[in-house]
C-alpha atoms as a PDB file:
ATOM      1  CA  MET A   1     143.295 105.194  80.768  1.00  0.00           C
ATOM      2  CA  GLN A   2     142.318 105.602  84.410  1.00  0.00           C
ATOM      3  CA  GLU A   3     138.908 104.172  85.308  1.00  0.00           C
ATOM      4  CA  LYS A   4     136.390 106.587  86.729  1.00  0.00           C
ATOM      5  CA  ILE A   5     132.949 106.353  88.302  1.00  0.00           C
ATOM      6  CA  VAL A   6     130.046 107.012  85.972  1.00  0.00           C
ATOM      7  CA  LEU A   7     126.300 107.440  86.808  1.00  0.00           C
ATOM      8  CA  ALA A   8     125.640 103.852  85.775  1.00  0.00           C
ATOM      9  CA  HIS A   9     127.704 102.665  88.769  1.00  0.00           C
ATOM     10  CA  GLY A  10     124.806 103.869  90.961  1.00  0.00           C
ATOM     11  CA  SER A  11     122.023 102.435  88.920  1.00  0.00           C
ATOM     12  CA  GLY A  12     121.434  99.078  90.583  1.00  0.00           C
ATOM     13  CA  GLY A  13     122.405  97.275  87.393  1.00  0.00           C
ATOM     14  CA  LYS A  14     125.462  95.242  86.347  1.00  0.00           C
ATOM     15  CA  LEU A  15     127.974  98.083  86.867  1.00  0.00           C
ATOM     16  CA  SER A  16     126.599  98.697  90.363  1.00  0.00           C
ATOM     17  CA  HIS A  17     126.955  95.032  91.290  1.00  0.00           C
ATOM     18  CA  ASP A  18     130.428  94.845  89.763  1.00  0.00           C
ATOM     19  CA  LEU A  19     131.494  97.911  91.740  1.00  0.00           C
ATOM     20  CA  VAL A  20     130.096  96.652  95.021  1.00  0.00           C
ATOM     21  CA  LYS A  21     131.735  93.178  94.700  1.00  0.00           C
ATOM     22  CA  ARG A  22     135.083  94.507  93.347  1.00  0.00           C
ATOM     23  CA  ILE A  23     135.614  97.408  95.736  1.00  0.00           C
ATOM     24  CA  PHE A  24     133.425  97.057  98.847  1.00  0.00           C
ATOM     25  CA  VAL A  25     132.723  93.381  99.336  1.00  0.00           C
ATOM     26  CA  SER A  26     136.323  92.418  98.613  1.00  0.00           C
ATOM     27  CA  MET A  27     137.718  95.074 101.017  1.00  0.00           C
ATOM     28  CA  PHE A  28     135.133  94.619 103.876  1.00  0.00           C
ATOM     29  CA  ASP A  29     134.894  90.856 103.368  1.00  0.00           C
ATOM     30  CA  ASN A  30     132.987  89.045 106.128  1.00  0.00           C
ATOM     31  CA  PRO A  31     130.191  86.444 106.338  1.00  0.00           C
ATOM     32  CA  ILE A  32     127.411  88.854 107.194  1.00  0.00           C
ATOM     33  CA  LEU A  33     128.185  91.378 104.405  1.00  0.00           C
ATOM     34  CA  ASN A  34     128.733  88.604 101.881  1.00  0.00           C
ATOM     35  CA  GLN A  35     125.072  87.542 102.090  1.00  0.00           C
ATOM     36  CA  LEU A  36     124.304  90.640 100.012  1.00  0.00           C
ATOM     37  CA  ASP A  37     120.680  90.864 101.191  1.00  0.00           C
ATOM     38  CA  ASP A  38     118.803  94.153 101.674  1.00  0.00           C
ATOM     39  CA  ARG A  39     119.835  94.116 105.308  1.00  0.00           C
ATOM     40  CA  ALA A  40     122.435  92.515 107.545  1.00  0.00           C
ATOM     41  CA  ALA A  41     121.232  89.594 109.684  1.00  0.00           C
ATOM     42  CA  LEU A  42     122.798  89.900 113.114  1.00  0.00           C
ATOM     43  CA  GLU A  43     122.618  87.993 116.425  1.00  0.00           C
ATOM     44  CA  ILE A  44     123.287  89.914 119.603  1.00  0.00           C
ATOM     45  CA  ALA A  45     122.727  88.497 123.049  1.00  0.00           C
ATOM     46  CA  GLY A  46     120.710  85.636 121.543  1.00  0.00           C
ATOM     47  CA  LYS A  47     118.341  88.032 119.686  1.00  0.00           C
ATOM     48  CA  ALA A  48     118.063  87.930 115.897  1.00  0.00           C
ATOM     49  CA  LEU A  49     118.274  91.442 114.528  1.00  0.00           C
ATOM     50  CA  ALA A  50     118.204  93.165 111.144  1.00  0.00           C
ATOM     51  CA  PHE A  51     120.263  96.263 110.369  1.00  0.00           C
ATOM     52  CA  SER A  52     120.166  98.362 107.180  1.00  0.00           C
ATOM     53  CA  THR A  53     121.288 101.674 105.775  1.00  0.00           C
ATOM     54  CA  ASP A  54     120.414 103.573 102.597  1.00  0.00           C
ATOM     55  CA  SER A  55     121.090 106.990 101.065  1.00  0.00           C
ATOM     56  CA  PHE A  56     118.523 109.026  98.949  1.00  0.00           C
ATOM     57  CA  VAL A  57     119.451 111.432  96.240  1.00  0.00           C
ATOM     58  CA  VAL A  58     116.186 111.545  94.244  1.00  0.00           C
ATOM     59  CA  LYS A  59     115.634 114.352  91.732  1.00  0.00           C
ATOM     60  CA  PRO A  60     113.308 116.161  92.124  1.00  0.00           C
ATOM     61  CA  ILE A  61     112.960 116.004  95.873  1.00  0.00           C
ATOM     62  CA  PHE A  62     109.126 116.419  95.641  1.00  0.00           C
ATOM     63  CA  PHE A  63     107.078 114.245  93.336  1.00  0.00           C
ATOM     64  CA  PRO A  64     103.420 112.946  93.115  1.00  0.00           C
ATOM     65  CA  GLY A  65     102.850 110.518  95.892  1.00  0.00           C
ATOM     66  CA  GLY A  66     105.817 111.453  98.057  1.00  0.00           C
ATOM     67  CA  ASP A  67     109.127 113.257  98.551  1.00  0.00           C
ATOM     68  CA  ILE A  68     112.673 112.487  99.546  1.00  0.00           C
ATOM     69  CA  GLY A  69     111.725 112.383 103.202  1.00  0.00           C
ATOM     70  CA  LYS A  70     108.936 109.773 102.837  1.00  0.00           C
ATOM     71  CA  LEU A  71     111.217 107.835 100.486  1.00  0.00           C
ATOM     72  CA  ALA A  72     114.039 107.786 103.041  1.00  0.00           C
ATOM     73  CA  VAL A  73     111.885 106.383 105.876  1.00  0.00           C
ATOM     74  CA  CYS A  74     110.019 103.870 103.758  1.00  0.00           C
ATOM     75  CA  GLY A  75     113.185 102.666 101.958  1.00  0.00           C
ATOM     76  CA  THR A  76     114.927 101.695 105.167  1.00  0.00           C
ATOM     77  CA  VAL A  77     111.826 100.339 106.802  1.00  0.00           C
ATOM     78  CA  ASN A  78     111.174  98.163 103.775  1.00  0.00           C
ATOM     79  CA  ASP A  79     114.806  96.892 103.681  1.00  0.00           C
ATOM     80  CA  LEU A  80     114.371  95.705 107.266  1.00  0.00           C
ATOM     81  CA  ALA A  81     110.959  94.232 106.510  1.00  0.00           C
ATOM     82  CA  MET A  82     112.393  92.265 103.598  1.00  0.00           C
ATOM     83  CA  GLY A  83     114.205  90.178 106.217  1.00  0.00           C
ATOM     84  CA  GLY A  84     110.960  89.553 108.079  1.00  0.00           C
ATOM     85  CA  ALA A  85     112.049  92.003 110.771  1.00  0.00           C
ATOM     86  CA  LYS A  86     109.832  94.317 112.768  1.00  0.00           C
ATOM     87  CA  PRO A  87     111.534  97.735 112.307  1.00  0.00           C
ATOM     88  CA  LEU A  88     111.960  99.661 115.567  1.00  0.00           C
ATOM     89  CA  TYR A  89     114.449 102.531 115.327  1.00  0.00           C
ATOM     90  CA  LEU A  90     115.930 104.750 112.571  1.00  0.00           C
ATOM     91  CA  SER A  91     118.771 107.242 112.349  1.00  0.00           C
ATOM     92  CA  THR A  92     118.784 109.987 109.759  1.00  0.00           C
ATOM     93  CA  GLY A  93     121.590 112.127 108.307  1.00  0.00           C
ATOM     94  CA  PHE A  94     120.986 115.260 106.233  1.00  0.00           C
ATOM     95  CA  ILE A  95     123.357 116.818 103.735  1.00  0.00           C
ATOM     96  CA  ILE A  96     121.774 120.182 102.854  1.00  0.00           C
ATOM     97  CA  GLU A  97     122.856 122.563 100.119  1.00  0.00           C
ATOM     98  CA  GLU A  98     123.453 126.152 101.076  1.00  0.00           C
ATOM     99  CA  GLY A  99     120.429 128.222  99.942  1.00  0.00           C
ATOM    100  CA  MET A 100     117.753 125.596 100.371  1.00  0.00           C
ATOM    101  CA  PRO A 101     114.534 127.228 101.664  1.00  0.00           C
ATOM    102  CA  ILE A 102     113.816 126.402 105.328  1.00  0.00           C
ATOM    103  CA  GLU A 103     110.154 125.747 104.348  1.00  0.00           C
ATOM    104  CA  GLU A 104     111.150 122.965 102.011  1.00  0.00           C
ATOM    105  CA  LEU A 105     113.248 121.301 104.733  1.00  0.00           C
ATOM    106  CA  GLU A 106     110.351 121.573 107.164  1.00  0.00           C
ATOM    107  CA  ARG A 107     108.078 119.963 104.565  1.00  0.00           C
ATOM    108  CA  VAL A 108     110.550 117.053 104.090  1.00  0.00           C
ATOM    109  CA  VAL A 109     110.946 116.518 107.830  1.00  0.00           C
ATOM    110  CA  THR A 110     107.214 116.583 108.343  1.00  0.00           C
ATOM    111  CA  SER A 111     106.847 113.903 105.684  1.00  0.00           C
ATOM    112  CA  MET A 112     109.411 111.782 107.493  1.00  0.00           C
ATOM    113  CA  LYS A 113     107.537 112.174 110.807  1.00  0.00           C
ATOM    114  CA  ASN A 114     104.286 110.986 109.116  1.00  0.00           C
ATOM    115  CA  ALA A 115     105.935 108.070 107.377  1.00  0.00           C
ATOM    116  CA  ALA A 116     107.597 106.958 110.603  1.00  0.00           C
ATOM    117  CA  GLY A 117     104.317 107.226 112.408  1.00  0.00           C
ATOM    118  CA  GLU A 118     102.615 105.002 109.914  1.00  0.00           C
ATOM    119  CA  ALA A 119     105.415 102.476 110.031  1.00  0.00           C
ATOM    120  CA  LYS A 120     105.500 102.626 113.901  1.00  0.00           C
ATOM    121  CA  VAL A 121     109.200 103.327 114.017  1.00  0.00           C
ATOM    122  CA  THR A 122     111.033 105.988 116.026  1.00  0.00           C
ATOM    123  CA  ILE A 123     113.787 108.279 114.664  1.00  0.00           C
ATOM    124  CA  VAL A 124     116.204 108.319 117.603  1.00  0.00           C
ATOM    125  CA  THR A 125     119.463 109.919 116.285  1.00  0.00           C
ATOM    126  CA  GLY A 126     120.815 111.817 113.388  1.00  0.00           C
ATOM    127  CA  ASP A 127     123.262 114.314 111.922  1.00  0.00           C
ATOM    128  CA  THR A 128     123.125 117.467 109.830  1.00  0.00           C
ATOM    129  CA  LYS A 129     125.698 118.918 107.450  1.00  0.00           C
ATOM    130  CA  VAL A 130     125.448 122.031 105.240  1.00  0.00           C
ATOM    131  CA  VAL A 131     127.651 122.221 102.084  1.00  0.00           C
ATOM    132  CA  GLU A 132     128.453 125.075  99.729  1.00  0.00           C
ATOM    133  CA  ARG A 133     126.032 125.912  96.983  1.00  0.00           C
ATOM    134  CA  GLY A 134     126.516 123.491  94.055  1.00  0.00           C
ATOM    135  CA  SER A 135     128.084 120.769  96.281  1.00  0.00           C
ATOM    136  CA  CYS A 136     124.900 118.756  96.373  1.00  0.00           C
ATOM    137  CA  ASP A 137     121.494 118.914  94.737  1.00  0.00           C
ATOM    138  CA  ARG A 138     119.403 120.700  97.451  1.00  0.00           C
ATOM    139  CA  LEU A 139     119.175 117.762  99.826  1.00  0.00           C
ATOM    140  CA  PHE A 140     120.551 114.263 100.307  1.00  0.00           C
ATOM    141  CA  ILE A 141     119.386 112.008 103.130  1.00  0.00           C
ATOM    142  CA  ASN A 142     120.795 108.836 104.738  1.00  0.00           C
ATOM    143  CA  THR A 143     118.734 106.622 106.944  1.00  0.00           C
ATOM    144  CA  ALA A 144     119.795 103.543 108.919  1.00  0.00           C
ATOM    145  CA  GLY A 145     117.500 101.240 110.831  1.00  0.00           C
ATOM    146  CA  ILE A 146     117.375  98.313 113.187  1.00  0.00           C
ATOM    147  CA  GLY A 147     114.629  95.777 113.847  1.00  0.00           C
ATOM    148  CA  VAL A 148     113.920  92.440 115.491  1.00  0.00           C
ATOM    149  CA  VAL A 149     113.392  89.243 113.541  1.00  0.00           C
ATOM    150  CA  PRO A 150     110.737  86.926 115.012  1.00  0.00           C
ATOM    151  CA  ASP A 151     111.560  83.394 115.962  1.00  0.00           C
ATOM    152  CA  GLY A 152     111.264  80.845 113.153  1.00  0.00           C
ATOM    153  CA  VAL A 153     111.737  83.409 110.355  1.00  0.00           C
ATOM    154  CA  ASN A 154     114.539  82.684 107.855  1.00  0.00           C
ATOM    155  CA  ILE A 155     114.234  84.965 104.778  1.00  0.00           C
ATOM    156  CA  SER A 156     117.101  85.513 102.357  1.00  0.00           C
ATOM    157  CA  GLY A 157     117.678  85.991  98.655  1.00  0.00           C
ATOM    158  CA  ALA A 158     119.581  82.682  98.788  1.00  0.00           C
ATOM    159  CA  ASN A 159     116.613  80.578  99.919  1.00  0.00           C
ATOM    160  CA  ALA A 160     114.539  80.147  96.692  1.00  0.00           C
ATOM    161  CA  ARG A 161     113.870  76.551  95.686  1.00  0.00           C
ATOM    162  CA  PRO A 162     112.536  74.932  92.460  1.00  0.00           C
ATOM    163  CA  GLY A 163     108.738  74.865  92.465  1.00  0.00           C
ATOM    164  CA  ASP A 164     108.335  77.915  94.678  1.00  0.00           C
ATOM    165  CA  LYS A 165     105.853  80.583  93.487  1.00  0.00           C
ATOM    166  CA  ILE A 166     106.668  84.244  92.850  1.00  0.00           C
ATOM    167  CA  ILE A 167     104.269  86.869  94.142  1.00  0.00           C
ATOM    168  CA  VAL A 168     104.139  90.654  93.694  1.00  0.00           C
ATOM    169  CA  ASN A 169     101.837  92.856  95.740  1.00  0.00           C
ATOM    170  CA  GLY A 170     100.563  95.168  92.918  1.00  0.00           C
ATOM    171  CA  TYR A 171     101.276  97.360  89.954  1.00  0.00           C
ATOM    172  CA  ILE A 172     104.961  97.817  89.098  1.00  0.00           C
ATOM    173  CA  GLY A 173     106.756 100.867  87.635  1.00  0.00           C
ATOM    174  CA  ASP A 174     104.613 103.576  89.203  1.00  0.00           C
ATOM    175  CA  HIS A 175     107.422 105.254  91.222  1.00  0.00           C
ATOM    176  CA  GLY A 176     110.025 105.571  88.420  1.00  0.00           C
ATOM    177  CA  ILE A 177     107.497 106.941  85.917  1.00  0.00           C
ATOM    178  CA  ALA A 178     105.954 109.354  88.443  1.00  0.00           C
ATOM    179  CA  VAL A 179     109.448 110.784  89.289  1.00  0.00           C
ATOM    180  CA  MET A 180     110.484 110.986  85.636  1.00  0.00           C
ATOM    181  CA  ALA A 181     107.182 112.748  84.758  1.00  0.00           C
ATOM    182  CA  GLU A 182     107.727 115.334  87.459  1.00  0.00           C
ATOM    183  CA  ARG A 183     111.330 115.838  86.414  1.00  0.00           C
ATOM    184  CA  HIS A 184     110.422 116.445  82.800  1.00  0.00           C
ATOM    185  CA  GLY A 185     107.078 118.191  83.228  1.00  0.00           C
ATOM    186  CA  LEU A 186     105.013 115.368  81.704  1.00  0.00           C
ATOM    187  CA  SER A 187     101.258 115.133  82.355  1.00  0.00           C
ATOM    188  CA  PHE A 188      98.802 112.252  82.111  1.00  0.00           C
ATOM    189  CA  ARG A 189      95.093 111.924  81.603  1.00  0.00           C
ATOM    190  CA  GLU A 190      94.953 109.968  84.918  1.00  0.00           C
ATOM    191  CA  ASN A 191      96.960 111.114  87.928  1.00  0.00           C
ATOM    192  CA  LEU A 192      99.954 108.841  88.347  1.00  0.00           C
ATOM    193  CA  ALA A 193     101.700 108.823  91.690  1.00  0.00           C
ATOM    194  CA  SER A 194     104.652 107.066  93.294  1.00  0.00           C
ATOM    195  CA  ASP A 195     103.812 103.854  95.154  1.00  0.00           C
ATOM    196  CA  CYS A 196     106.174 104.843  98.018  1.00  0.00           C
ATOM    197  CA  ALA A 197     104.857 103.145 101.189  1.00  0.00           C
ATOM    198  CA  PRO A 198     106.047 101.268 104.310  1.00  0.00           C
ATOM    199  CA  LEU A 199     105.544  97.558 103.794  1.00  0.00           C
ATOM    200  CA  ASN A 200     106.317  96.223 107.232  1.00  0.00           C
ATOM    201  CA  GLY A 201     102.598  95.925 108.074  1.00  0.00           C
ATOM    202  CA  LEU A 202     102.004  93.906 104.941  1.00  0.00           C
ATOM    203  CA  VAL A 203     104.914  91.620 105.827  1.00  0.00           C
ATOM    204  CA  GLU A 204     103.548  91.015 109.341  1.00  0.00           C
ATOM    205  CA  THR A 205     100.246  90.001 107.653  1.00  0.00           C
ATOM    206  CA  MET A 206     102.091  87.630 105.472  1.00  0.00           C
ATOM    207  CA  LEU A 207     104.094  86.071 108.275  1.00  0.00           C
ATOM    208  CA  ALA A 208     100.876  85.522 110.213  1.00  0.00           C
ATOM    209  CA  VAL A 209      99.776  83.263 107.407  1.00  0.00           C
ATOM    210  CA  SER A 210     103.009  81.324 107.219  1.00  0.00           C
ATOM    211  CA  LYS A 211     106.622  81.727 108.376  1.00  0.00           C
ATOM    212  CA  SER A 212     107.681  79.562 105.348  1.00  0.00           C
ATOM    213  CA  ILE A 213     108.329  82.644 103.216  1.00  0.00           C
ATOM    214  CA  ARG A 214     111.697  81.942 101.488  1.00  0.00           C
ATOM    215  CA  VAL A 215     112.595  85.319  99.939  1.00  0.00           C
ATOM    216  CA  LEU A 216     111.329  88.903 100.271  1.00  0.00           C
ATOM    217  CA  ARG A 217     112.802  91.678  98.201  1.00  0.00           C
ATOM    218  CA  ASP A 218     111.663  95.219  97.265  1.00  0.00           C
ATOM    219  CA  PRO A 219     112.341  95.823  93.560  1.00  0.00           C
ATOM    220  CA  THR A 220     113.670  99.408  93.788  1.00  0.00           C
ATOM    221  CA  ARG A 221     116.540 100.464  91.529  1.00  0.00           C
ATOM    222  CA  GLY A 222     116.550  98.267  88.349  1.00  0.00           C
ATOM    223  CA  GLY A 223     112.973  97.166  88.962  1.00  0.00           C
ATOM    224  CA  LEU A 224     111.400  93.735  88.922  1.00  0.00           C
ATOM    225  CA  ALA A 225     113.711  92.168  86.331  1.00  0.00           C
ATOM    226  CA  THR A 226     116.994  93.243  87.994  1.00  0.00           C
ATOM    227  CA  THR A 227     115.784  92.121  91.439  1.00  0.00           C
ATOM    228  CA  LEU A 228     114.787  88.695  90.069  1.00  0.00           C
ATOM    229  CA  ASN A 229     118.204  88.335  88.537  1.00  0.00           C
ATOM    230  CA  GLU A 230     119.754  89.020  91.934  1.00  0.00           C
ATOM    231  CA  ILE A 231     117.604  86.298  93.520  1.00  0.00           C
ATOM    232  CA  ALA A 232     118.326  83.834  90.702  1.00  0.00           C
ATOM    233  CA  GLN A 233     122.100  84.314  91.177  1.00  0.00           C
ATOM    234  CA  GLN A 234     121.982  84.233  95.023  1.00  0.00           C
ATOM    235  CA  SER A 235     119.882  81.074  95.095  1.00  0.00           C
ATOM    236  CA  GLY A 236     121.445  79.339  92.084  1.00  0.00           C
ATOM    237  CA  VAL A 237     118.063  78.782  90.383  1.00  0.00           C
ATOM    238  CA  GLY A 238     116.237  79.677  87.236  1.00  0.00           C
ATOM    239  CA  ILE A 239     113.194  81.944  87.224  1.00  0.00           C
ATOM    240  CA  MET A 240     110.198  82.141  84.840  1.00  0.00           C
ATOM    241  CA  ILE A 241     107.614  84.851  85.046  1.00  0.00           C
ATOM    242  CA  GLU A 242     104.483  85.261  82.877  1.00  0.00           C
ATOM    243  CA  GLU A 243     103.953  88.503  80.926  1.00  0.00           C
ATOM    244  CA  ASP A 244     100.134  88.425  81.118  1.00  0.00           C
ATOM    245  CA  LYS A 245     100.193  88.052  84.926  1.00  0.00           C
ATOM    246  CA  ILE A 246     102.435  91.035  85.672  1.00  0.00           C
ATOM    247  CA  PRO A 247     100.339  94.047  86.800  1.00  0.00           C
ATOM    248  CA  VAL A 248     101.317  97.221  84.929  1.00  0.00           C
ATOM    249  CA  ARG A 249      99.065 100.300  84.686  1.00  0.00           C
ATOM    250  CA  ASP A 250      98.099 101.433  81.221  1.00  0.00           C
ATOM    251  CA  GLU A 251      99.629 104.870  81.865  1.00  0.00           C
ATOM    252  CA  VAL A 252     102.993 103.359  82.811  1.00  0.00           C
ATOM    253  CA  ARG A 253     102.936 100.962  79.842  1.00  0.00           C
ATOM    254  CA  GLY A 254     102.035 103.830  77.535  1.00  0.00           C
ATOM    255  CA  VAL A 255     104.870 106.075  78.719  1.00  0.00           C
ATOM    256  CA  CYS A 256     107.327 103.223  78.492  1.00  0.00           C
ATOM    257  CA  GLU A 257     106.265 102.451  74.893  1.00  0.00           C
ATOM    258  CA  ILE A 258     106.637 106.125  73.921  1.00  0.00           C
ATOM    259  CA  LEU A 259     110.065 106.541  75.479  1.00  0.00           C
ATOM    260  CA  GLY A 260     111.433 103.145  74.674  1.00  0.00           C
ATOM    261  CA  LEU A 261     111.499 101.942  78.346  1.00  0.00           C
ATOM    262  CA  ASP A 262     110.657  98.523  79.750  1.00  0.00           C
ATOM    263  CA  PRO A 263     108.368  98.636  82.837  1.00  0.00           C
ATOM    264  CA  LEU A 264     110.092  95.491  84.114  1.00  0.00           C
ATOM    265  CA  TYR A 265     113.224  97.586  84.738  1.00  0.00           C
ATOM    266  CA  VAL A 266     111.445 100.669  86.183  1.00  0.00           C
ATOM    267  CA  ALA A 267     111.902 101.342  89.932  1.00  0.00           C
ATOM    268  CA  ASN A 268     109.296 100.808  92.661  1.00  0.00           C
ATOM    269  CA  GLU A 269     109.135 101.982  96.249  1.00  0.00           C
ATOM    270  CA  GLY A 270     106.072 100.280  97.603  1.00  0.00           C
ATOM    271  CA  LYS A 271     106.280  96.841  96.009  1.00  0.00           C
ATOM    272  CA  LEU A 272     107.661  93.564  97.151  1.00  0.00           C
ATOM    273  CA  ILE A 273     108.533  90.254  95.627  1.00  0.00           C
ATOM    274  CA  ALA A 274     107.681  87.209  97.764  1.00  0.00           C
ATOM    275  CA  ILE A 275     108.908  83.716  96.963  1.00  0.00           C
ATOM    276  CA  VAL A 276     106.989  81.063  98.834  1.00  0.00           C
ATOM    277  CA  PRO A 277     106.481  77.279  98.770  1.00  0.00           C
ATOM    278  CA  PRO A 278     103.685  76.331  96.332  1.00  0.00           C
ATOM    279  CA  GLU A 279     101.402  74.983  99.038  1.00  0.00           C
ATOM    280  CA  ALA A 280     101.432  78.439 100.775  1.00  0.00           C
ATOM    281  CA  ALA A 281     101.000  80.639  97.697  1.00  0.00           C
ATOM    282  CA  GLU A 282      97.203  80.931  97.340  1.00  0.00           C
ATOM    283  CA  GLU A 283      96.560  81.473 101.013  1.00  0.00           C
ATOM    284  CA  MET A 284      99.373  84.095 101.070  1.00  0.00           C
ATOM    285  CA  VAL A 285      97.877  86.014  98.094  1.00  0.00           C
ATOM    286  CA  ASP A 286      94.439  85.895  99.703  1.00  0.00           C
ATOM    287  CA  ALA A 287      95.780  87.443 102.935  1.00  0.00           C
ATOM    288  CA  MET A 288      97.796  90.032 101.027  1.00  0.00           C
ATOM    289  CA  THR A 289      94.797  91.269  99.009  1.00  0.00           C
ATOM    290  CA  ARG A 290      93.031  92.186 102.286  1.00  0.00           C
ATOM    291  CA  HIS A 291      95.842  94.616 103.195  1.00  0.00           C
ATOM    292  CA  LYS A 292      95.851  98.123 101.656  1.00  0.00           C
ATOM    293  CA  TYR A 293      99.402  97.665 100.291  1.00  0.00           C
ATOM    294  CA  GLY A 294      98.674  94.210  98.946  1.00  0.00           C
ATOM    295  CA  SER A 295      95.329  94.652  97.238  1.00  0.00           C
ATOM    296  CA  GLY A 296      96.820  93.883  93.805  1.00  0.00           C
ATOM    297  CA  ALA A 297      98.833  90.782  94.886  1.00  0.00           C
ATOM    298  CA  LYS A 298      99.252  88.139  92.195  1.00  0.00           C
ATOM    299  CA  ILE A 299     101.301  85.040  91.452  1.00  0.00           C
ATOM    300  CA  ILE A 300     103.395  85.943  88.474  1.00  0.00           C
ATOM    301  CA  GLY A 301     105.772  82.968  88.022  1.00  0.00           C
ATOM    302  CA  GLU A 302     107.808  80.192  89.628  1.00  0.00           C
ATOM    303  CA  ILE A 303     111.288  79.063  90.445  1.00  0.00           C
ATOM    304  CA  LEU A 304     112.939  76.506  88.086  1.00  0.00           C
ATOM    305  CA  PRO A 305     115.952  74.239  88.728  1.00  0.00           C
ATOM    306  CA  GLU A 306     117.630  75.410  85.477  1.00  0.00           C
ATOM    307  CA  PRO A 307     119.165  77.425  83.922  1.00  0.00           C
ATOM    308  CA  LYS A 308     120.850  78.598  87.142  1.00  0.00           C
ATOM    309  CA  GLY A 309     121.118  82.349  87.531  1.00  0.00           C
ATOM    310  CA  LYS A 310     118.827  83.169  84.586  1.00  0.00           C
ATOM    311  CA  VAL A 311     115.427  84.874  84.449  1.00  0.00           C
ATOM    312  CA  PHE A 312     112.963  84.383  81.575  1.00  0.00           C
ATOM    313  CA  LEU A 313     109.678  86.000  80.628  1.00  0.00           C
ATOM    314  CA  GLN A 314     106.934  83.849  79.053  1.00  0.00           C
ATOM    315  CA  THR A 315     105.513  86.281  76.552  1.00  0.00           C
ATOM    316  CA  VAL A 316     101.840  86.637  75.645  1.00  0.00           C
ATOM    317  CA  ILE A 317     102.593  85.386  72.113  1.00  0.00           C
ATOM    318  CA  GLY A 318     104.076  82.146  73.462  1.00  0.00           C
ATOM    319  CA  GLY A 319     107.832  82.773  73.295  1.00  0.00           C
ATOM    320  CA  ARG A 320     110.451  83.108  75.970  1.00  0.00           C
ATOM    321  CA  ARG A 321     112.548  86.224  76.427  1.00  0.00           C
ATOM    322  CA  LEU A 322     115.710  86.371  78.512  1.00  0.00           C
ATOM    323  CA  LEU A 323     115.557  89.093  81.092  1.00  0.00           C
ATOM    324  CA  ASP A 324     119.099  90.084  81.773  1.00  0.00           C
ATOM    325  CA  MET A 325     120.387  92.563  84.307  1.00  0.00           C
ATOM    326  CA  LEU A 326     120.897  96.067  82.724  1.00  0.00           C
ATOM    327  CA  THR A 327     124.342  97.460  82.551  1.00  0.00           C
ATOM    328  CA  GLY A 328     123.110 100.870  83.726  1.00  0.00           C
ATOM    329  CA  ASP A 329     119.683 102.271  84.542  1.00  0.00           C
ATOM    330  CA  GLN A 330     116.895 103.564  82.331  1.00  0.00           C
ATOM    331  CA  LEU A 331     116.078 106.365  84.775  1.00  0.00           C
ATOM    332  CA  PRO A 332     118.855 107.789  86.922  1.00  0.00           C
ATOM    333  CA  ARG A 333     118.284 109.523  90.343  1.00  0.00           C
ATOM    334  CA  ILE A 334     114.889 107.896  91.166  1.00  0.00           C
ATOM    335  CA  CYS A 335     115.741 107.079  94.801  1.00  0.00           C
END
């Protein structure tokens, strides 16, 4: 029977990784692409540059804490920042469904303008296409970006070393649950909003403390657990995180328990994972907590020499749980 693409191929889980390696990496094979980081590391005329692109198909396009426009700008800014780069310029491409209200498009573009202003990047080029009604879901956006990497910065998913500490900058799972709640008309006692935010300012603060940061990743599709699996495989190390140190809001935990979800696999859009040498960890957390997007920063685990490519959770009851990469995704269309 002929193989076909399924939604899980776009989830960020095992099927996504298999598809990327089997079709795209094998066909476009080159040393830059094969790094499989959030951005490409380039050198042009002696300058270290970062280049990234991303497409956004979130449903619904408006949600508490953001919309598809803010998401598009922040997503590409953050991919560049995860290489330690200072983002400079973005492109944007719009695929618009026939019948979309102009007011909604203006609202999205205004949001992009505001997010770009906060991130101090400039949108310098773009493209617009309109497709027949039913050919896309109101609006899809692609953004690409370029930035400059400061001297002395070498950040990659392949750089983690045994003994390094793992830091997150705050509560996980907010974005995925906020989008799901808006999609399905769920309400909460406390307002829950997406964490969508540009993180380049936080990364600049971190690099001012130390340029020894080994790895930076934003745990978007597939959440914290999937991103840690990617790092473990890229670096050829083991990873242990501690359940009681991982910040999860009560509202997110409660919804996950009701719906049978695991917050460790729920998407984020304003969070980062930093892996740093142990001697830099405490000072790094202290600096992060003084930034508005790092106020909840915590050390949640460490890098182990073995078992290579595996991620474990030290549970509150004293056991160890293997955190594998999901085949698909718990929540489709969240970015």
